[in-house]
Amino acid sequence: MVRRRSEKFSLSAQTIDEVSAICVQTLGEARANKKDIARIRLSLEEILGVWLGFLEDAPVCVDCGQKFGRAFMKVSVEGSRIDAWEEEGTLLFSNHLLAQAGLSLVYTYKNGGNCLSCNPSKKSHMGQMTQLLTAVILAVFLGLITRFLPQEGQSVILGITQPLFNVILGGLRAVSSPLVFLAVCCGIFSIGDLTMVGKIGRKLILRMIIETFILSIVMAFAGSFLFSVVTETGNEISGNFSEVYQMVLGIVPSDIVSPFLEGNALQIVFLGICMGSALLVLGDRVSAIQSIAMQANEIMQFMMGVLGKMVPVFVFLSIFHLLLSDFDNGFLSLLKVFAIAIPGCVLLSLLYIFVGAVRLSVSPVLLLKKLLPTYLIALTTASSAAALATNLETCEKQLGIPKKVSDFAIPLGQVIYKPGFVVGLFPVVLCMAEYYGVPITPQLLVMGILTIWLLAMATPPIPGGALSVFIILFAQLGIPSGAIALAVAINSVLDFFMTSTGLACLQVQATIAAENVGMLDKERLRRSPELLQ
């Protein structure tokens, strides 16, 4: 329980120490991770130190406590607007993402005061993997028992569980489309002027986008060998190309409302890109709209985070309902998903490590040892946010990447660069199409390439973020909504491999990017991890 307190000071060096102590105590009461507490405390002290140079003796107010079971802390200093991140030349985008992960402070200026706030997430007593395994075991156990009950008994149980499942699914549908739109929109204009980033930012972003698109094509090609693709001949081929051409042109919506009503993923992402680009170009002239968009994005991500906590329940209900259905006929299709996705994720990680080792002239085994800590955290938690602190520490201390490069590349990469997402999601889509009798045509493959490529960059890295993908993805590809339940159950297993693969590839990308601009500490990179402790 976080104790409610509100204290006032005058800004001074001593005040910074006192506010820092209150911060540590509050985060400790909130049962935040020790590494997170240290990171937030250091950020707070650094920012207050910057403010001290401009606003010495200004009134300071510290407010902390708990609302609706969630801890909060806010520090405000009266005076003119001073964004410490701008003063230090740090990209606001990076800090915004760190704040979403609960690892940084959110800066705002309102009512004549500079405000810093954070809402730390407390550690769960039971890890995500443990929760999912418990849900799966319970679902299998209770599902098999229920199959032996009379039909009347099964109907009563389904009458209780099915409405609950529909409520969770309805919540996902309500949040998914605006979540993706706002994530794309805010992601673009939050980057700010790309000239601040320089060559490294433009090249890194472009390479991530191109590689994700190529990987989508590779997965479509690989999946076509294990799943039955319906091919056409003769004049029907030209008709197929015509349909694909019209599909690409259909990315541009006829109005603003229909993409959200229909769940058209391509059009939603297109609108998000257009809106974000417009806000980026107009800049301070539309600062009020930017603020509204950011706040709406925070609301949607919070709502999806709440729904994300229901994932074990959703997985339980998915598998439970599957066991009560005639799932035996499609069991082989389910096995093919894991046969493609899991080896594909592992091979992609090893491929990136090997290519990175060759590019950087370092031993693949040494590079693997340095990437392993972040990889294992992601593999056991399926959370890029949980691995973020270790990720940044590895980049700076083990890989020799300068802090200003890693602070930009890693948070940005976790948003727009998800190669593991593509490797895992494409087989799930093809499996669900085959399982529910949807013909896997060339048009569906092309649509899948475009949609998954865009969603890989649009899906926010938050709990439950990937769940929103299935709502709009299946609607886009014409796969029945009933497939969402089974897809979520499969994805809950694959997510561990998808997340760890994405972070391993991202670390290699960031290292190569730093080397390309001559900023990589190669001596540090080539040292053994034990010597850098």
Protein backbone atom coordinates (compact mmCIF):
# COMPACT_ATOMS: atom_id res chain seq x y z
CA MET A 1 0.00 0.00 0.00
CA VAL A 2 1.44 3.38 -1.04
CA ARG A 3 1.11 6.00 1.68
CA ARG A 4 -0.63 9.23 0.59
CA ARG A 5 1.53 12.31 1.08
CA SER A 6 1.84 15.86 -0.19
CA GLU A 7 4.86 18.01 0.73
CA LYS A 8 6.15 21.44 -0.33
CA PHE A 9 9.74 22.69 -0.58
CA SER A 10 11.89 25.41 -2.16
CA LEU A 11 14.15 24.14 -4.96
CA SER A 12 17.72 23.67 -3.75
CA ALA A 13 20.42 21.01 -3.70
CA GLN A 14 19.13 19.73 -0.37
CA THR A 15 15.58 19.61 -1.74
CA ILE A 16 16.72 17.36 -4.57
CA ASP A 17 18.04 14.84 -2.03
CA GLU A 18 14.80 14.99 -0.01
CA VAL A 19 12.57 14.60 -3.09
CA SER A 20 14.75 11.73 -4.29
CA ALA A 21 14.32 9.97 -0.93
CA ILE A 22 10.52 10.37 -1.15
CA CYS A 23 10.64 8.96 -4.69
CA VAL A 24 12.58 5.86 -3.60
CA GLN A 25 10.24 5.30 -0.65
CA THR A 26 7.12 5.66 -2.82
CA LEU A 27 8.41 3.30 -5.51
CA GLY A 28 9.46 0.83 -2.84
CA GLU A 29 5.98 0.88 -1.31
CA ALA A 30 4.60 0.32 -4.82
CA ARG A 31 6.83 -2.79 -5.01
CA ALA A 32 8.50 -1.59 -8.21
CA ASN A 33 11.53 -3.40 -9.58
CA LYS A 34 14.81 -2.31 -7.93
CA LYS A 35 16.43 -1.52 -11.28
CA ASP A 36 13.44 0.60 -12.23
CA ILE A 37 13.63 2.49 -8.93
CA ALA A 38 17.32 3.26 -9.49
CA ARG A 39 16.71 4.41 -13.07
CA ILE A 40 13.78 6.68 -12.16
CA ARG A 41 15.63 8.14 -9.15
CA LEU A 42 18.66 9.02 -11.28
CA SER A 43 16.43 10.59 -13.95
CA LEU A 44 14.57 12.64 -11.32
CA GLU A 45 17.79 13.92 -9.76
CA GLU A 46 19.26 14.79 -13.16
CA ILE A 47 16.16 16.73 -14.27
CA LEU A 48 15.82 18.56 -10.95
CA GLY A 49 19.49 19.46 -11.26
CA VAL A 50 18.81 21.08 -14.65
CA TRP A 51 15.84 22.99 -13.20
CA LEU A 52 17.95 24.15 -10.27
CA GLY A 53 20.14 26.09 -12.69
CA PHE A 54 17.12 28.10 -13.92
CA LEU A 55 14.59 28.03 -11.07
CA GLU A 56 16.55 28.11 -7.81
CA ASP A 57 14.33 28.63 -4.72
CA ALA A 58 11.17 28.10 -6.84
CA PRO A 59 8.24 26.38 -5.03
CA VAL A 60 8.31 22.58 -5.31
CA CYS A 61 5.35 20.30 -4.62
CA VAL A 62 5.63 16.53 -4.23
CA ASP A 63 2.40 14.54 -4.41
CA CYS A 64 2.22 10.74 -4.26
CA GLY A 65 -0.19 8.03 -3.29
CA GLN A 66 -2.51 5.50 -4.87
CA LYS A 67 -5.56 5.78 -7.15
CA PHE A 68 -7.73 2.81 -8.10
CA GLY A 69 -5.04 0.44 -6.90
CA ARG A 70 -2.30 2.07 -9.00
CA ALA A 71 0.57 4.04 -7.47
CA PHE A 72 1.43 7.53 -8.70
CA MET A 73 4.03 10.18 -8.01
CA LYS A 74 4.18 13.78 -9.24
CA VAL A 75 6.79 16.47 -8.69
CA SER A 76 6.02 20.01 -9.88
CA VAL A 77 8.21 23.13 -9.87
CA GLU A 78 6.67 26.54 -10.49
CA GLY A 79 8.25 28.80 -13.11
CA SER A 80 8.83 29.17 -16.84
CA ARG A 81 8.71 26.10 -19.08
CA ILE A 82 12.00 24.18 -19.03
CA ASP A 83 11.98 20.78 -20.72
CA ALA A 84 15.13 19.15 -19.34
CA TRP A 85 15.14 16.58 -22.14
CA GLU A 86 15.27 19.35 -24.74
CA GLU A 87 17.99 21.07 -22.77
CA GLU A 88 20.02 17.86 -22.83
CA GLY A 89 19.23 17.25 -26.51
CA THR A 90 17.55 13.91 -25.85
CA LEU A 91 14.76 12.79 -28.14
CA LEU A 92 11.34 13.14 -26.57
CA PHE A 93 10.19 9.99 -28.34
CA SER A 94 12.63 7.79 -26.43
CA ASN A 95 11.58 9.21 -23.08
CA HIS A 96 7.91 8.86 -23.98
CA LEU A 97 8.35 5.14 -24.66
CA LEU A 98 10.39 4.62 -21.50
CA ALA A 99 7.59 6.33 -19.58
CA GLN A 100 5.02 3.96 -21.08
CA ALA A 101 7.13 1.05 -19.87
CA GLY A 102 7.18 2.56 -16.37
CA LEU A 103 10.92 3.16 -16.59
CA SER A 104 10.98 6.93 -16.96
CA LEU A 105 9.22 10.14 -16.00
CA VAL A 106 6.54 11.94 -18.00
CA TYR A 107 7.13 15.69 -18.44
CA THR A 108 4.29 18.19 -18.82
CA TYR A 109 3.95 21.94 -18.38
CA LYS A 110 0.61 23.24 -17.14
CA ASN A 111 -0.75 25.96 -14.85
CA GLY A 112 2.64 27.63 -14.69
CA GLY A 113 4.46 24.57 -13.42
CA ASN A 114 6.98 22.02 -14.75
CA CYS A 115 5.63 18.59 -13.78
CA LEU A 116 7.24 15.16 -13.64
CA SER A 117 5.09 12.12 -13.01
CA CYS A 118 5.24 8.34 -13.16
CA ASN A 119 2.90 5.43 -12.53
CA PRO A 120 5.16 2.50 -11.61
CA SER A 121 3.88 -1.00 -12.23
CA LYS A 122 4.25 -3.30 -9.26
CA LYS A 123 5.83 -6.69 -9.64
CA SER A 124 3.42 -9.55 -10.13
CA HIS A 125 3.52 -12.38 -7.61
CA MET A 126 3.16 -14.78 -10.53
CA GLY A 127 5.10 -14.31 -13.77
CA GLN A 128 3.36 -14.21 -17.13
CA MET A 129 4.65 -17.61 -18.17
CA THR A 130 3.44 -19.14 -14.89
CA GLN A 131 0.01 -17.54 -15.36
CA LEU A 132 -0.29 -18.85 -18.92
CA LEU A 133 0.87 -22.36 -17.98
CA THR A 134 -1.63 -22.41 -15.13
CA ALA A 135 -4.40 -21.28 -17.48
CA VAL A 136 -3.50 -23.95 -20.06
CA ILE A 137 -3.32 -26.75 -17.47
CA LEU A 138 -6.63 -25.77 -15.89
CA ALA A 139 -8.29 -25.44 -19.30
CA VAL A 140 -7.12 -28.88 -20.41
CA PHE A 141 -8.05 -30.50 -17.11
CA LEU A 142 -11.52 -28.94 -16.85
CA GLY A 143 -12.14 -29.23 -20.59
CA LEU A 144 -11.49 -32.98 -20.65
CA ILE A 145 -13.71 -33.47 -17.61
CA THR A 146 -16.49 -31.40 -19.17
CA ARG A 147 -16.42 -33.53 -22.36
CA PHE A 148 -17.64 -36.50 -20.30
CA LEU A 149 -20.63 -34.58 -18.95
CA PRO A 150 -24.09 -34.95 -20.54
CA GLN A 151 -24.91 -32.53 -23.34
CA GLU A 152 -27.22 -30.59 -21.02
CA GLY A 153 -24.39 -30.06 -18.53
CA GLN A 154 -22.04 -28.86 -21.26
CA SER A 155 -24.68 -26.41 -22.47
CA VAL A 156 -25.04 -24.92 -18.98
CA ILE A 157 -21.27 -24.47 -18.63
CA LEU A 158 -21.00 -22.90 -22.08
CA GLY A 159 -23.87 -20.60 -21.17
CA ILE A 160 -21.67 -19.23 -18.37
CA THR A 161 -18.24 -19.15 -20.07
CA GLN A 162 -19.24 -18.03 -23.58
CA PRO A 163 -20.71 -14.65 -22.50
CA LEU A 164 -17.58 -13.94 -20.46
CA PHE A 165 -15.43 -14.73 -23.48
CA ASN A 166 -17.60 -12.46 -25.66
CA VAL A 167 -17.22 -9.58 -23.18
CA ILE A 168 -13.41 -9.77 -23.31
CA LEU A 169 -13.49 -10.10 -27.10
CA GLY A 170 -15.84 -7.13 -27.34
CA GLY A 171 -13.48 -5.02 -25.26
CA LEU A 172 -10.62 -5.90 -27.57
CA ARG A 173 -12.68 -4.96 -30.62
CA ALA A 174 -13.64 -1.61 -29.11
CA VAL A 175 -10.04 -0.65 -28.30
CA SER A 176 -8.02 -2.26 -31.12
CA SER A 177 -8.73 0.07 -34.05
CA PRO A 178 -8.24 3.42 -32.23
CA LEU A 179 -5.23 1.93 -30.43
CA VAL A 180 -3.44 1.13 -33.69
CA PHE A 181 -4.40 4.48 -35.24
CA LEU A 182 -3.14 6.51 -32.25
CA ALA A 183 0.01 4.40 -31.90
CA VAL A 184 0.98 5.12 -35.50
CA CYS A 185 -0.03 8.79 -35.33
CA CYS A 186 1.75 9.55 -32.04
CA GLY A 187 4.75 7.45 -32.99
CA ILE A 188 5.39 9.64 -36.02
CA PHE A 189 5.03 13.12 -34.59
CA SER A 190 6.68 12.20 -31.28
CA ILE A 191 9.93 11.55 -33.09
CA GLY A 192 10.18 15.26 -33.80
CA ASP A 193 12.42 16.66 -36.52
CA LEU A 194 14.43 13.79 -38.01
CA THR A 195 17.28 16.19 -38.70
CA MET A 196 17.94 15.94 -34.96
CA VAL A 197 18.61 12.26 -35.45
CA GLY A 198 20.88 12.71 -38.45
CA LYS A 199 22.03 9.97 -40.77
CA ILE A 200 21.82 7.22 -38.19
CA GLY A 201 18.09 7.75 -37.63
CA ARG A 202 17.08 7.87 -41.29
CA LYS A 203 19.17 4.86 -42.26
CA LEU A 204 18.15 2.83 -39.23
CA ILE A 205 14.43 3.47 -39.71
CA LEU A 206 14.60 2.74 -43.44
CA ARG A 207 16.54 -0.49 -42.89
CA MET A 208 14.09 -1.69 -40.25
CA ILE A 209 11.09 -1.01 -42.52
CA ILE A 210 12.65 -2.70 -45.57
CA GLU A 211 13.85 -5.76 -43.66
CA THR A 212 10.43 -6.25 -42.06
CA PHE A 213 8.79 -6.13 -45.51
CA ILE A 214 11.27 -8.62 -46.97
CA LEU A 215 10.74 -10.93 -43.99
CA SER A 216 6.97 -10.79 -44.57
CA ILE A 217 7.51 -11.97 -48.16
CA VAL A 218 9.85 -14.76 -47.00
CA MET A 219 7.31 -16.01 -44.45
CA ALA A 220 4.52 -15.97 -47.05
CA PHE A 221 6.72 -18.02 -49.38
CA ALA A 222 7.73 -20.47 -46.61
CA GLY A 223 4.15 -20.87 -45.38
CA SER A 224 2.88 -21.69 -48.87
CA PHE A 225 4.83 -24.98 -48.76
CA LEU A 226 3.11 -26.29 -45.62
CA PHE A 227 -0.37 -24.85 -46.16
CA SER A 228 -2.65 -25.54 -49.12
CA VAL A 229 -2.51 -22.54 -51.46
CA VAL A 230 -5.30 -22.28 -54.04
CA THR A 231 -3.73 -21.26 -57.36
CA GLU A 232 -5.60 -20.25 -60.48
CA THR A 233 -4.76 -20.65 -64.15
CA GLY A 234 -5.61 -19.02 -67.46
CA ASN A 235 -7.53 -15.77 -67.57
CA GLU A 236 -8.18 -16.00 -63.85
CA ILE A 237 -4.55 -15.06 -63.20
CA SER A 238 -5.00 -11.65 -64.76
CA GLY A 239 -8.13 -11.28 -62.65
CA ASN A 240 -6.11 -12.07 -59.54
CA PHE A 241 -3.54 -9.40 -60.36
CA SER A 242 -6.36 -6.94 -60.99
CA GLU A 243 -7.83 -7.72 -57.57
CA VAL A 244 -4.45 -7.30 -55.91
CA TYR A 245 -3.97 -3.95 -57.68
CA GLN A 246 -7.39 -2.78 -56.53
CA MET A 247 -6.58 -3.99 -53.03
CA VAL A 248 -3.43 -1.87 -52.92
CA LEU A 249 -5.36 1.18 -54.16
CA GLY A 250 -8.00 0.42 -51.53
CA ILE A 251 -5.55 1.43 -48.82
CA VAL A 252 -6.82 4.97 -49.33
CA PRO A 253 -10.23 5.15 -47.58
CA SER A 254 -13.26 6.93 -49.02
CA ASP A 255 -14.04 8.48 -45.62
CA ILE A 256 -12.57 8.68 -42.14
CA VAL A 257 -15.20 6.69 -40.22
CA SER A 258 -15.64 3.48 -42.25
CA PRO A 259 -12.10 2.07 -41.65
CA PHE A 260 -12.80 1.98 -37.91
CA LEU A 261 -16.29 0.51 -38.32
CA GLU A 262 -15.05 -2.19 -40.69
CA GLY A 263 -11.73 -2.78 -38.90
CA ASN A 264 -9.78 -2.20 -42.14
CA ALA A 265 -6.19 -2.43 -40.90
CA LEU A 266 -4.51 -1.02 -44.01
CA GLN A 267 -6.76 2.03 -44.08
CA ILE A 268 -6.41 2.60 -40.32
CA VAL A 269 -2.61 2.57 -40.55
CA PHE A 270 -2.77 4.83 -43.63
CA LEU A 271 -4.89 7.36 -41.74
CA GLY A 272 -2.51 7.17 -38.78
CA ILE A 273 0.48 7.87 -41.04
CA CYS A 274 -1.28 10.82 -42.68
CA MET A 275 -2.39 12.34 -39.37
CA GLY A 276 0.98 11.80 -37.69
CA SER A 277 2.85 13.29 -40.65
CA ALA A 278 0.57 16.34 -40.68
CA LEU A 279 1.09 16.92 -36.95
CA LEU A 280 4.84 16.49 -37.41
CA VAL A 281 4.99 19.07 -40.24
CA LEU A 282 2.75 21.61 -38.52
CA GLY A 283 4.64 21.28 -35.23
CA ASP A 284 3.88 23.89 -32.57
CA ARG A 285 1.01 25.32 -34.60
CA VAL A 286 -1.08 22.29 -33.61
CA SER A 287 0.43 21.64 -30.18
CA ALA A 288 -3.04 21.44 -28.62
CA ILE A 289 -4.08 18.65 -31.01
CA GLN A 290 -0.77 16.88 -30.41
CA SER A 291 -1.45 16.97 -26.68
CA ILE A 292 -4.97 15.60 -27.17
CA ALA A 293 -3.66 12.80 -29.40
CA MET A 294 -0.97 11.87 -26.86
CA GLN A 295 -3.46 11.83 -24.02
CA ALA A 296 -5.93 9.76 -26.05
CA ASN A 297 -3.08 7.36 -26.84
CA GLU A 298 -2.27 7.05 -23.15
CA ILE A 299 -5.91 6.29 -22.39
CA MET A 300 -6.14 3.62 -25.08
CA GLN A 301 -2.87 2.01 -24.02
CA PHE A 302 -4.02 2.00 -20.40
CA MET A 303 -7.30 0.35 -21.42
CA MET A 304 -5.46 -2.25 -23.50
CA GLY A 305 -3.09 -2.81 -20.59
CA VAL A 306 -6.06 -3.58 -18.35
CA LEU A 307 -7.47 -5.95 -20.97
CA GLY A 308 -4.00 -7.44 -21.35
CA LYS A 309 -4.16 -8.60 -17.73
CA MET A 310 -7.12 -10.73 -18.81
CA VAL A 311 -4.96 -12.72 -21.24
CA PRO A 312 -4.68 -15.80 -18.96
CA VAL A 313 -8.49 -15.82 -18.62
CA PHE A 314 -8.86 -15.38 -22.36
CA VAL A 315 -6.40 -18.23 -23.04
CA PHE A 316 -8.19 -20.44 -20.53
CA LEU A 317 -11.56 -19.84 -22.18
CA SER A 318 -10.08 -20.29 -25.66
CA ILE A 319 -8.57 -23.70 -24.92
CA PHE A 320 -11.56 -24.76 -22.83
CA HIS A 321 -13.97 -24.04 -25.70
CA LEU A 322 -11.59 -25.70 -28.15
CA LEU A 323 -11.62 -28.93 -26.15
CA LEU A 324 -15.42 -28.93 -26.19
CA SER A 325 -15.46 -28.60 -29.99
CA ASP A 326 -14.50 -31.05 -32.73
CA PHE A 327 -10.93 -29.85 -32.92
CA ASP A 328 -9.34 -33.18 -33.85
CA ASN A 329 -9.63 -32.61 -37.61
CA GLY A 330 -7.61 -29.41 -37.52
CA PHE A 331 -5.00 -30.54 -35.02
CA LEU A 332 -2.38 -31.07 -37.75
CA SER A 333 -2.79 -27.44 -38.87
CA LEU A 334 -2.03 -26.29 -35.33
CA LEU A 335 1.16 -28.34 -35.22
CA LYS A 336 2.33 -26.77 -38.49
CA VAL A 337 2.23 -23.32 -36.85
CA PHE A 338 4.74 -24.32 -34.19
CA ALA A 339 6.79 -26.26 -36.76
CA ILE A 340 7.30 -23.03 -38.73
CA ALA A 341 7.23 -20.27 -36.11
CA ILE A 342 9.45 -21.58 -33.30
CA PRO A 343 12.34 -22.86 -35.48
CA GLY A 344 11.91 -19.75 -37.64
CA CYS A 345 12.38 -17.44 -34.64
CA VAL A 346 15.44 -19.32 -33.41
CA LEU A 347 17.02 -19.45 -36.88
CA LEU A 348 16.37 -15.76 -37.47
CA SER A 349 18.08 -14.86 -34.19
CA LEU A 350 21.11 -17.00 -35.04
CA LEU A 351 21.21 -15.58 -38.58
CA TYR A 352 21.27 -12.00 -37.31
CA ILE A 353 23.96 -12.85 -34.76
CA PHE A 354 26.10 -14.50 -37.45
CA VAL A 355 25.64 -11.63 -39.94
CA GLY A 356 26.30 -9.09 -37.19
CA ALA A 357 29.45 -10.93 -36.11
CA VAL A 358 30.76 -10.91 -39.68
CA ARG A 359 29.92 -7.22 -40.18
CA LEU A 360 31.52 -6.25 -36.87
CA SER A 361 34.50 -8.63 -37.10
CA VAL A 362 33.74 -10.27 -33.78
CA SER A 363 33.26 -13.88 -32.69
CA PRO A 364 29.64 -15.10 -33.09
CA VAL A 365 29.95 -16.96 -29.78
CA LEU A 366 31.07 -13.78 -27.98
CA LEU A 367 28.23 -11.76 -29.53
CA LEU A 368 25.77 -14.48 -28.53
CA LYS A 369 26.99 -14.40 -24.91
CA LYS A 370 26.48 -10.64 -24.77
CA LEU A 371 22.96 -10.78 -26.20
CA LEU A 372 21.90 -13.74 -24.05
CA PRO A 373 20.81 -11.86 -20.86
CA THR A 374 18.28 -9.69 -22.71
CA TYR A 375 17.18 -12.68 -24.80
CA LEU A 376 16.50 -14.84 -21.73
CA ILE A 377 14.50 -12.13 -19.96
CA ALA A 378 12.33 -11.67 -23.04
CA LEU A 379 12.03 -15.45 -23.51
CA THR A 380 10.76 -15.96 -19.97
CA THR A 381 8.50 -12.90 -19.76
CA ALA A 382 7.38 -12.27 -23.39
CA SER A 383 7.74 -8.58 -22.54
CA SER A 384 10.02 -6.09 -24.29
CA ALA A 385 9.25 -3.60 -21.50
CA ALA A 386 10.50 -6.02 -18.83
CA ALA A 387 13.74 -6.49 -20.76
CA LEU A 388 14.21 -2.80 -21.59
CA ALA A 389 16.50 -1.92 -18.68
CA THR A 390 18.79 -4.91 -19.35
CA ASN A 391 18.59 -4.18 -23.06
CA LEU A 392 19.86 -0.62 -22.66
CA GLU A 393 22.52 -1.66 -20.15
CA THR A 394 23.81 -4.38 -22.50
CA CYS A 395 23.98 -1.98 -25.43
CA GLU A 396 26.01 0.58 -23.50
CA LYS A 397 28.26 -1.61 -21.33
CA GLN A 398 28.67 -4.80 -23.38
CA LEU A 399 28.18 -3.85 -27.03
CA GLY A 400 29.94 -0.48 -26.91
CA ILE A 401 27.01 1.54 -28.27
CA PRO A 402 27.02 5.22 -27.17
CA LYS A 403 24.20 6.15 -24.83
CA LYS A 404 22.68 8.71 -27.20
CA VAL A 405 22.49 6.05 -29.92
CA SER A 406 21.02 3.32 -27.72
CA ASP A 407 18.54 5.72 -26.09
CA PHE A 408 17.20 6.46 -29.57
CA ALA A 409 17.56 3.13 -31.39
CA ILE A 410 16.28 0.74 -28.72
CA PRO A 411 12.98 2.46 -27.76
CA LEU A 412 12.32 3.30 -31.43
CA GLY A 413 13.12 -0.26 -32.51
CA GLN A 414 10.78 -1.76 -29.93
CA VAL A 415 7.97 0.21 -31.57
CA ILE A 416 8.53 -0.19 -35.30
CA TYR A 417 10.86 -3.19 -35.60
CA LYS A 418 9.36 -6.60 -34.79
CA PRO A 419 10.89 -9.33 -36.99
CA GLY A 420 9.84 -12.03 -34.53
CA PHE A 421 6.28 -10.73 -34.77
CA VAL A 422 6.27 -11.37 -38.54
CA VAL A 423 7.82 -14.84 -38.21
CA GLY A 424 5.25 -15.91 -35.62
CA LEU A 425 2.14 -14.18 -36.94
CA PHE A 426 2.18 -15.29 -40.58
CA PRO A 427 1.93 -19.03 -39.78
CA VAL A 428 -0.91 -18.28 -37.33
CA VAL A 429 -2.84 -16.44 -40.06
CA LEU A 430 -2.36 -19.26 -42.58
CA CYS A 431 -3.29 -21.85 -39.96
CA MET A 432 -6.51 -20.05 -39.04
CA ALA A 433 -7.42 -19.67 -42.72
CA GLU A 434 -6.92 -23.38 -43.33
CA TYR A 435 -8.59 -24.40 -40.07
CA TYR A 436 -11.75 -22.39 -40.81
CA GLY A 437 -11.92 -23.25 -44.50
CA VAL A 438 -10.85 -19.85 -45.89
CA PRO A 439 -9.07 -20.40 -49.26
CA ILE A 440 -5.40 -19.41 -49.12
CA THR A 441 -5.19 -17.59 -52.43
CA PRO A 442 -2.42 -15.40 -53.87
CA GLN A 443 -4.60 -12.41 -53.01
CA LEU A 444 -4.76 -13.47 -49.36
CA LEU A 445 -0.97 -13.93 -49.27
CA VAL A 446 -0.37 -10.46 -50.76
CA MET A 447 -2.91 -8.93 -48.39
CA GLY A 448 -1.25 -10.78 -45.51
CA ILE A 449 2.18 -9.47 -46.49
CA LEU A 450 1.00 -5.85 -46.56
CA THR A 451 -1.17 -6.07 -43.45
CA ILE A 452 1.28 -7.94 -41.23
CA TRP A 453 4.13 -5.70 -42.39
CA LEU A 454 2.22 -2.57 -41.41
CA LEU A 455 0.83 -4.00 -38.18
CA ALA A 456 4.32 -5.09 -37.16
CA MET A 457 5.23 -1.41 -37.09
CA ALA A 458 1.90 -0.18 -35.72
CA THR A 459 1.32 -2.49 -32.76
CA PRO A 460 2.37 -0.81 -29.48
CA PRO A 461 4.73 -2.83 -27.23
CA ILE A 462 2.33 -3.01 -24.28
CA PRO A 463 0.57 -5.94 -22.56
CA GLY A 464 -2.29 -7.02 -24.80
CA GLY A 465 -1.02 -4.97 -27.73
CA ALA A 466 -0.64 -8.04 -29.93
CA LEU A 467 -4.19 -9.14 -29.10
CA SER A 468 -5.59 -6.10 -30.86
CA VAL A 469 -3.84 -7.24 -34.03
CA PHE A 470 -6.01 -10.31 -34.48
CA ILE A 471 -9.22 -8.30 -34.36
CA ILE A 472 -8.37 -6.09 -37.30
CA LEU A 473 -6.12 -8.60 -39.10
CA PHE A 474 -8.77 -11.31 -39.38
CA ALA A 475 -11.40 -8.76 -40.40
CA GLN A 476 -9.03 -7.57 -43.14
CA LEU A 477 -8.37 -11.10 -44.46
CA GLY A 478 -11.93 -12.41 -44.18
CA ILE A 479 -11.13 -14.98 -41.48
CA PRO A 480 -14.08 -15.64 -39.09
CA SER A 481 -13.92 -13.86 -35.74
CA GLY A 482 -14.22 -17.24 -34.03
CA ALA A 483 -10.59 -17.82 -35.04
CA ILE A 484 -9.46 -15.09 -32.64
CA ALA A 485 -9.89 -17.36 -29.63
CA LEU A 486 -7.67 -20.09 -31.02
CA ALA A 487 -5.17 -17.59 -32.43
CA VAL A 488 -4.76 -15.94 -29.03
CA ALA A 489 -4.10 -19.31 -27.39
CA ILE A 490 -1.43 -20.11 -30.00
CA ASN A 491 0.05 -16.63 -29.84
CA SER A 492 0.38 -16.82 -26.05
CA VAL A 493 2.97 -19.57 -26.57
CA LEU A 494 4.68 -18.08 -29.61
CA ASP A 495 4.95 -14.63 -28.01
CA PHE A 496 7.87 -15.72 -25.84
CA PHE A 497 9.91 -16.65 -28.93
CA MET A 498 8.68 -13.70 -31.02
CA THR A 499 9.64 -11.12 -28.38
CA SER A 500 13.07 -12.58 -27.62
CA THR A 501 13.88 -12.85 -31.33
CA GLY A 502 12.85 -9.26 -31.96
CA LEU A 503 15.09 -7.91 -29.19
CA ALA A 504 18.09 -9.98 -30.29
CA CYS A 505 17.74 -8.69 -33.86
CA LEU A 506 17.25 -5.14 -32.57
CA GLN A 507 20.47 -5.21 -30.54
CA VAL A 508 22.39 -6.37 -33.60
CA GLN A 509 20.77 -3.61 -35.68
CA ALA A 510 21.71 -0.94 -33.13
CA THR A 511 25.31 -2.18 -32.96
CA ILE A 512 25.69 -2.12 -36.75
CA ALA A 513 24.08 1.34 -36.89
CA ALA A 514 26.60 2.70 -34.37
CA GLU A 515 29.46 1.10 -36.32
CA ASN A 516 28.27 2.60 -39.60
CA VAL A 517 28.62 6.15 -38.26
CA GLY A 518 31.92 5.46 -36.51
CA MET A 519 30.53 5.73 -32.97
CA LEU A 520 30.95 2.10 -31.85
CA ASP A 521 33.45 1.28 -29.11
CA LYS A 522 34.93 -1.79 -30.84
CA GLU A 523 37.37 -2.48 -28.04
CA ARG A 524 34.51 -2.78 -25.56
CA LEU A 525 32.54 -4.91 -28.02
CA ARG A 526 35.37 -7.42 -28.37
CA ARG A 527 36.03 -7.80 -24.65
CA SER A 528 34.67 -10.77 -22.76
CA PRO A 529 31.48 -10.01 -20.76
CA GLU A 530 33.23 -11.07 -17.55
CA LEU A 531 35.89 -8.37 -17.99
CA LEU A 532 33.24 -5.66 -18.31
CA GLN A 533 31.38 -6.46 -15.10
